[in-house]
Protein backbone atom coordinates (compact mmCIF):
# COMPACT_ATOMS: atom_id res chain seq x y z
CA UNK A 1 -36.47 -47.77 44.75
CA UNK A 2 -39.86 -47.60 43.05
CA UNK A 3 -39.71 -48.26 39.32
CA UNK A 4 -41.71 -49.63 36.39
CA UNK A 5 -40.90 -52.45 34.00
CA UNK A 6 -42.45 -52.99 30.58
CA UNK A 7 -43.15 -56.26 28.83
CA UNK A 8 -45.10 -57.37 25.76
CA UNK A 9 -48.12 -59.63 26.15
CA UNK A 10 -49.50 -60.49 22.72
CA UNK A 11 -50.27 -57.15 21.11
CA UNK A 12 -50.15 -55.15 24.33
CA UNK A 13 -47.34 -53.41 26.21
CA UNK A 14 -47.93 -54.00 29.91
CA UNK A 15 -46.49 -51.90 32.73
CA UNK A 16 -45.58 -53.47 36.05
CA UNK A 17 -44.46 -51.67 39.23
CA UNK A 18 -41.25 -53.15 40.64
CA UNK A 19 -38.89 -52.62 43.54
CA UNK A 20 -35.45 -52.24 41.94
CA UNK A 21 -32.00 -51.41 43.34
CA UNK A 22 -30.72 -47.87 42.81
CA UNK A 23 -28.44 -48.10 39.74
CA UNK A 24 -24.75 -47.23 39.96
CA UNK A 25 -23.38 -44.81 37.33
CA UNK A 26 -20.63 -46.36 35.23
CA UNK A 27 -17.95 -44.61 33.19
CA UNK A 28 -19.47 -41.86 31.09
CA UNK A 29 -22.70 -41.83 33.11
CA UNK A 30 -24.41 -39.78 35.82
CA UNK A 31 -27.04 -40.88 38.33
CA UNK A 32 -30.18 -38.73 38.45
CA UNK A 33 -32.85 -38.38 41.05
CA UNK A 34 -35.75 -38.29 38.59
CA UNK A 35 -38.32 -35.53 38.97
CA UNK A 36 -40.41 -36.12 35.86
CA UNK A 37 -40.51 -38.28 32.74
CA UNK A 38 -42.25 -37.93 29.39
CA UNK A 39 -44.50 -40.57 27.83
CA UNK A 40 -43.94 -41.58 24.21
CA UNK A 41 -46.42 -43.51 22.08
CA UNK A 42 -43.73 -45.61 20.39
CA UNK A 43 -42.70 -47.14 23.71
CA UNK A 44 -46.14 -48.68 24.12
CA UNK A 45 -46.37 -50.18 20.61
CA UNK A 46 -44.96 -53.73 20.33
CA UNK A 47 -42.48 -53.78 17.48
CA UNK A 48 -41.98 -50.02 17.79
CA UNK A 49 -39.45 -49.03 20.46
CA UNK A 50 -39.92 -52.35 22.27
CA UNK A 51 -39.36 -55.82 20.85
CA UNK A 52 -39.69 -59.33 22.19
CA UNK A 53 -41.36 -60.48 25.41
CA UNK A 54 -38.56 -59.83 27.90
CA UNK A 55 -39.26 -57.33 30.67
CA UNK A 56 -37.22 -54.12 30.51
CA UNK A 57 -37.03 -50.87 32.48
CA UNK A 58 -39.71 -48.47 31.27
CA UNK A 59 -39.32 -44.84 30.26
CA UNK A 60 -36.90 -43.26 27.79
CA UNK A 61 -36.70 -39.53 28.61
CA UNK A 62 -36.90 -37.33 31.65
CA UNK A 63 -35.56 -34.59 33.88
CA UNK A 64 -33.91 -34.71 37.26
CA UNK A 65 -30.97 -33.59 39.35
CA UNK A 66 -27.52 -35.15 39.32
CA UNK A 67 -26.79 -37.01 42.56
CA UNK A 68 -23.70 -39.03 41.58
CA UNK A 69 -21.03 -38.93 38.87
CA UNK A 70 -19.36 -41.83 37.10
CA UNK A 71 -15.67 -42.30 37.87
CA UNK A 72 -14.43 -40.51 34.74
CA UNK A 73 -17.05 -37.76 34.49
CA UNK A 74 -15.82 -34.16 34.56
CA UNK A 75 -17.47 -30.83 33.83
CA UNK A 76 -20.75 -31.70 35.59
CA UNK A 77 -21.73 -31.01 39.20
CA UNK A 78 -23.94 -32.78 41.73
CA UNK A 79 -27.21 -30.90 42.20
CA UNK A 80 -27.42 -29.64 38.59
CA UNK A 81 -30.85 -29.83 36.94
CA UNK A 82 -30.58 -31.74 33.69
CA UNK A 83 -32.79 -33.39 31.07
CA UNK A 84 -32.23 -35.93 28.33
CA UNK A 85 -32.92 -39.34 26.90
CA UNK A 86 -32.28 -42.16 29.36
CA UNK A 87 -33.42 -45.78 29.76
CA UNK A 88 -35.51 -46.55 32.82
CA UNK A 89 -36.79 -43.00 33.22
CA UNK A 90 -39.98 -44.21 34.99
CA UNK A 91 -38.00 -44.71 38.20
CA UNK A 92 -37.01 -42.76 41.28
CA UNK A 93 -33.39 -42.92 40.09
CA UNK A 94 -31.93 -43.52 36.61
CA UNK A 95 -28.55 -43.32 34.90
CA UNK A 96 -27.98 -41.07 31.90
CA UNK A 97 -25.17 -41.12 29.34
CA UNK A 98 -23.22 -37.86 29.77
CA UNK A 99 -23.42 -37.34 26.00
CA UNK A 100 -27.21 -37.05 26.37
CA UNK A 101 -27.14 -34.62 29.31
CA UNK A 102 -28.63 -31.18 28.64
CA UNK A 103 -29.05 -28.38 31.18
CA UNK A 104 -32.61 -27.44 32.10
CA UNK A 105 -33.12 -23.76 31.17
CA UNK A 106 -33.94 -21.60 34.18
CA UNK A 107 -37.38 -20.73 32.81
CA UNK A 108 -38.55 -24.36 32.53
CA UNK A 109 -40.06 -26.45 35.29
CA UNK A 110 -38.90 -30.05 35.64
CA UNK A 111 -42.25 -31.20 34.25
CA UNK A 112 -41.80 -29.04 31.16
CA UNK A 113 -38.17 -30.16 30.82
CA UNK A 114 -39.28 -33.81 30.77
CA UNK A 115 -41.38 -33.01 27.68
CA UNK A 116 -38.39 -31.73 25.69
CA UNK A 117 -35.69 -34.34 24.95
CA UNK A 118 -37.18 -36.96 22.65
CA UNK A 119 -39.70 -34.87 20.71
CA UNK A 120 -37.54 -31.80 20.22
CA UNK A 121 -34.33 -33.66 19.38
CA UNK A 122 -36.31 -35.42 16.64
CA UNK A 123 -37.80 -32.10 15.53
CA UNK A 124 -34.36 -30.48 15.40
CA UNK A 125 -33.16 -33.37 13.23
CA UNK A 126 -36.02 -33.11 10.75
CA UNK A 127 -36.53 -29.34 10.67
CA UNK A 128 -32.97 -28.04 10.98
CA UNK A 129 -30.35 -30.69 10.35
CA UNK A 130 -32.05 -32.52 7.49
CA UNK A 131 -35.02 -30.29 6.62
CA UNK A 132 -33.07 -27.01 6.33
CA UNK A 133 -36.21 -25.03 7.18
CA UNK A 134 -35.74 -21.27 6.84
CA UNK A 135 -37.66 -18.24 8.05
CA UNK A 136 -40.51 -17.43 5.69
CA UNK A 137 -40.79 -20.96 4.28
CA UNK A 138 -43.92 -23.10 4.45
CA UNK A 139 -44.06 -26.22 6.62
CA UNK A 140 -46.86 -28.77 6.24
CA UNK A 141 -47.42 -31.17 9.15
CA UNK A 142 -49.84 -34.05 8.69
CA UNK A 143 -51.24 -35.07 12.05
CA UNK A 144 -50.18 -31.77 13.60
CA UNK A 145 -51.93 -32.56 16.90
CA UNK A 146 -49.59 -35.51 17.58
CA UNK A 147 -46.68 -35.11 19.99
CA UNK A 148 -44.17 -34.77 17.15
CA UNK A 149 -46.58 -32.54 15.24
CA UNK A 150 -47.04 -30.07 18.09
CA UNK A 151 -43.29 -29.94 18.73
CA UNK A 152 -42.69 -29.32 15.01
CA UNK A 153 -45.22 -26.47 15.05
CA UNK A 154 -43.63 -24.80 18.09
CA UNK A 155 -40.09 -25.13 16.74
CA UNK A 156 -41.04 -23.97 13.23
CA UNK A 157 -42.69 -20.81 14.55
CA UNK A 158 -39.55 -20.07 16.59
CA UNK A 159 -37.58 -20.42 13.35
CA UNK A 160 -39.88 -17.94 11.61
CA UNK A 161 -41.63 -20.42 9.29
CA UNK A 162 -45.32 -20.55 8.34
CA UNK A 163 -47.17 -23.73 9.27
CA UNK A 164 -50.07 -25.66 7.76
CA UNK A 165 -51.42 -28.57 9.80
CA UNK A 166 -53.93 -31.35 9.27
CA UNK A 167 -55.90 -33.09 12.00
CA UNK A 168 -59.12 -35.02 12.43
CA UNK A 169 -60.00 -32.97 15.51
CA UNK A 170 -61.35 -29.44 14.99
CA UNK A 171 -61.07 -28.80 18.73
CA UNK A 172 -57.35 -29.57 18.71
CA UNK A 173 -56.83 -27.44 15.61
CA UNK A 174 -58.51 -24.49 17.34
CA UNK A 175 -56.12 -24.82 20.29
CA UNK A 176 -53.12 -25.00 17.96
CA UNK A 177 -54.17 -21.81 16.17
CA UNK A 178 -53.53 -20.02 19.46
CA UNK A 179 -49.98 -21.42 19.35
CA UNK A 180 -49.30 -20.04 15.89
CA UNK A 181 -50.77 -22.55 13.44
CA UNK A 182 -51.28 -20.44 10.30
CA UNK A 183 -53.56 -22.74 8.29
CA UNK A 184 -55.67 -25.46 9.95
CA UNK A 185 -57.05 -28.23 7.73
CA UNK A 186 -59.67 -30.46 9.32
CA UNK A 187 -59.14 -33.82 7.63
CA UNK A 188 -57.69 -37.29 8.08
CA UNK A 189 -58.07 -38.10 4.38
CA UNK A 190 -55.57 -37.57 1.51
CA UNK A 191 -57.56 -34.60 0.19
CA UNK A 192 -55.60 -31.51 1.27
CA UNK A 193 -53.25 -30.75 -1.66
CA UNK A 194 -55.54 -28.18 -3.28
CA UNK A 195 -55.89 -26.27 -0.01
CA UNK A 196 -52.14 -26.35 0.61
CA UNK A 197 -51.42 -24.99 -2.87
CA UNK A 198 -54.02 -22.23 -2.41
CA UNK A 199 -52.62 -21.26 1.01
CA UNK A 200 -49.08 -21.01 -0.36
CA UNK A 201 -50.04 -19.04 -3.47
CA UNK A 202 -49.35 -22.02 -5.73
CA UNK A 203 -45.83 -22.55 -4.36
CA UNK A 204 -46.44 -25.63 -2.22
CA UNK A 205 -44.81 -26.66 1.03
CA UNK A 206 -41.04 -26.26 1.30
CA UNK A 207 -40.92 -28.94 3.98
CA UNK A 208 -43.45 -31.65 4.79
CA UNK A 209 -43.46 -33.58 8.07
CA UNK A 210 -45.48 -36.76 7.56
CA UNK A 211 -46.42 -38.22 10.94
CA UNK A 212 -49.37 -40.20 9.49
CA UNK A 213 -47.83 -42.67 7.04
CA UNK A 214 -48.49 -44.22 3.65
CA UNK A 215 -52.15 -43.25 3.36
CA UNK A 216 -51.21 -39.58 2.83
CA UNK A 217 -47.76 -40.01 1.23
CA UNK A 218 -48.87 -39.44 -2.39
CA UNK A 219 -50.92 -36.41 -1.32
CA UNK A 220 -47.87 -34.98 0.45
CA UNK A 221 -45.86 -35.31 -2.77
CA UNK A 222 -48.56 -33.31 -4.57
CA UNK A 223 -48.19 -30.58 -1.93
CA UNK A 224 -44.44 -30.11 -2.26
CA UNK A 225 -42.74 -27.04 -3.69
CA UNK A 226 -39.81 -27.04 -6.10
CA UNK A 227 -36.82 -28.42 -4.18
CA UNK A 228 -39.18 -29.39 -1.38
CA UNK A 229 -38.24 -31.83 1.36
CA UNK A 230 -40.30 -34.48 3.14
CA UNK A 231 -39.56 -36.09 6.51
CA UNK A 232 -41.07 -39.47 7.34
CA UNK A 233 -41.36 -39.57 11.11
CA UNK A 234 -44.19 -42.01 11.74
CA UNK A 235 -46.92 -44.22 10.36
CA UNK A 236 -49.78 -44.25 12.81
CA UNK A 237 -52.03 -45.43 9.96
CA UNK A 238 -49.91 -48.64 9.89
CA UNK A 239 -49.73 -48.26 6.08
CA UNK A 240 -46.10 -48.91 5.20
CA UNK A 241 -46.40 -48.85 1.41
CA UNK A 242 -47.35 -45.98 -0.87
CA UNK A 243 -47.37 -44.98 -4.53
CA UNK A 244 -44.63 -42.53 -5.49
CA UNK A 245 -44.77 -40.07 -8.39
CA UNK A 246 -41.28 -40.47 -9.87
CA UNK A 247 -41.84 -37.65 -12.36
CA UNK A 248 -42.65 -35.20 -9.57
CA UNK A 249 -39.62 -36.43 -7.60
CA UNK A 250 -37.43 -35.92 -10.67
CA UNK A 251 -38.78 -32.66 -12.09
CA UNK A 252 -39.28 -30.83 -8.78
CA UNK A 253 -35.92 -32.03 -7.41
CA UNK A 254 -37.54 -33.33 -4.24
CA UNK A 255 -35.76 -34.75 -1.22
CA UNK A 256 -37.27 -37.55 0.90
CA UNK A 257 -35.70 -38.60 4.19
CA UNK A 258 -36.45 -40.62 7.30
CA UNK A 259 -36.14 -39.53 10.92
CA UNK A 260 -35.48 -42.50 13.17
CA UNK A 261 -32.96 -43.59 15.78
CA UNK A 262 -33.83 -47.29 15.66
CA UNK A 263 -30.68 -48.37 13.82
CA UNK A 264 -28.36 -45.75 15.30
CA UNK A 265 -25.91 -46.69 18.02
CA UNK A 266 -25.53 -44.62 21.21
CA UNK A 267 -22.74 -42.51 19.74
CA UNK A 268 -24.74 -41.72 16.61
CA UNK A 269 -27.83 -40.79 18.64
CA UNK A 270 -25.83 -38.51 20.91
CA UNK A 271 -24.05 -36.79 18.02
CA UNK A 272 -26.95 -34.39 17.46
CA UNK A 273 -27.18 -33.21 21.07
CA UNK A 274 -24.46 -30.49 20.96
CA UNK A 275 -26.03 -28.88 17.87
CA UNK A 276 -29.46 -28.96 19.55
CA UNK A 277 -28.05 -27.31 22.69
CA UNK A 278 -26.40 -24.60 20.60
CA UNK A 279 -29.11 -23.97 18.02
CA UNK A 280 -32.41 -24.65 19.79
CA UNK A 281 -32.00 -24.69 23.56
CA UNK A 282 -31.70 -20.86 23.70
CA UNK A 283 -35.25 -20.67 22.31
CA UNK A 284 -36.45 -22.51 25.43
CA UNK A 285 -34.30 -20.36 27.70
CA UNK A 286 -35.75 -17.13 26.31
CA UNK A 287 -39.35 -18.34 26.10
CA UNK A 288 -39.64 -18.54 22.31
CA UNK A 289 -40.52 -22.22 22.69
CA UNK A 290 -42.47 -23.59 25.62
CA UNK A 291 -43.36 -27.29 25.60
CA UNK A 292 -47.08 -28.03 25.52
CA UNK A 293 -47.86 -30.34 28.44
CA UNK A 294 -51.39 -31.70 28.18
CA UNK A 295 -51.63 -33.50 31.52
CA UNK A 296 -49.43 -34.52 34.45
CA UNK A 297 -49.99 -37.87 36.20
CA UNK A 298 -48.64 -38.85 39.65
CA UNK A 299 -45.94 -41.53 39.71
CA UNK A 300 -48.32 -44.20 41.01
CA UNK A 301 -50.74 -43.57 38.14
CA UNK A 302 -48.49 -44.44 35.18
CA UNK A 303 -50.88 -47.15 33.88
CA UNK A 304 -53.65 -44.54 33.81
CA UNK A 305 -51.34 -42.20 31.89
CA UNK A 306 -50.67 -44.99 29.38
CA UNK A 307 -54.43 -45.54 28.95
CA UNK A 308 -54.98 -41.81 28.48
CA UNK A 309 -52.33 -41.76 25.73
CA UNK A 310 -53.76 -44.80 23.99
CA UNK A 311 -57.22 -43.17 24.02
CA UNK A 312 -55.70 -40.34 21.95
CA UNK A 313 -57.23 -37.69 24.18
CA UNK A 314 -54.13 -35.56 24.62
CA UNK A 315 -52.71 -32.57 22.77
CA UNK A 316 -48.98 -32.25 23.34
CA UNK A 317 -47.07 -34.27 25.93
CA UNK A 318 -48.20 -36.42 28.85
CA UNK A 319 -45.75 -36.23 31.75
CA UNK A 320 -45.25 -38.45 34.80
CA UNK A 321 -44.47 -36.52 38.02
CA UNK A 322 -41.97 -38.64 39.95
CA UNK A 323 -40.71 -36.26 42.65
CA UNK A 324 -42.00 -32.91 43.86
């Protein structure tokens, strides 16, 4: 079968087309004929989701149809459209852990479904499970035009929250206003606290999603409401250290938490899937959330899709079309 492998060369993640055998599903797995797979920036950053120089199957999320069941798998049927996180998703066939399997809602295409698993499972973790975001509350997203930022915006609006977003691109902010962004702040600098406080009537943000990193961390603290929460979900600025106002943390009873699966085992990662299916998947089924797909690339053009992502030209998800 046609597939792609990924290896690190110096500071670059390099994709290589390979001819690989069709994998066999083991216990607790299903074999999928892949229709589409989502691209994720972290997979192409050495030291991020990939480590070392060894070649490994590329792709970590996608959508397809079940074509074979592992020996002990029950409750699933061949031919069912499913989506989820899976290693080797940039392939004609891939195996998926049954604990990661989610049904594709009838209203979603396979391309749209491929844009859901990684981003929206993370968003569910930081907005619902840890962030406890409620209808009517204010959410601040730094770097709102990022993949995680756009997903956070879409999910928050479905939850009934109000959203403030920062971005260095006024064009992207204009597009996000049409998707429900309440307050658009054109900036990449740590200079937005005054505007956030004004927009919220002096209250501040109930939940902050920091996709940028240490360069805006102190400014995010200044934006937080009493009993506010902040999720650290990325550091594209590569700044891993930041000053922290301990008095603000203490007096305002703030909560800071990380959103990462890097040190979780497979069971821990899969533990959040049932809650996501119950609490958020209906929003996709009934059209309250529709993934924003920026561009679809043919299977043979994955390197071009990687280059497009690294040029930071996209808004929302980039998807690889594997099968019609």
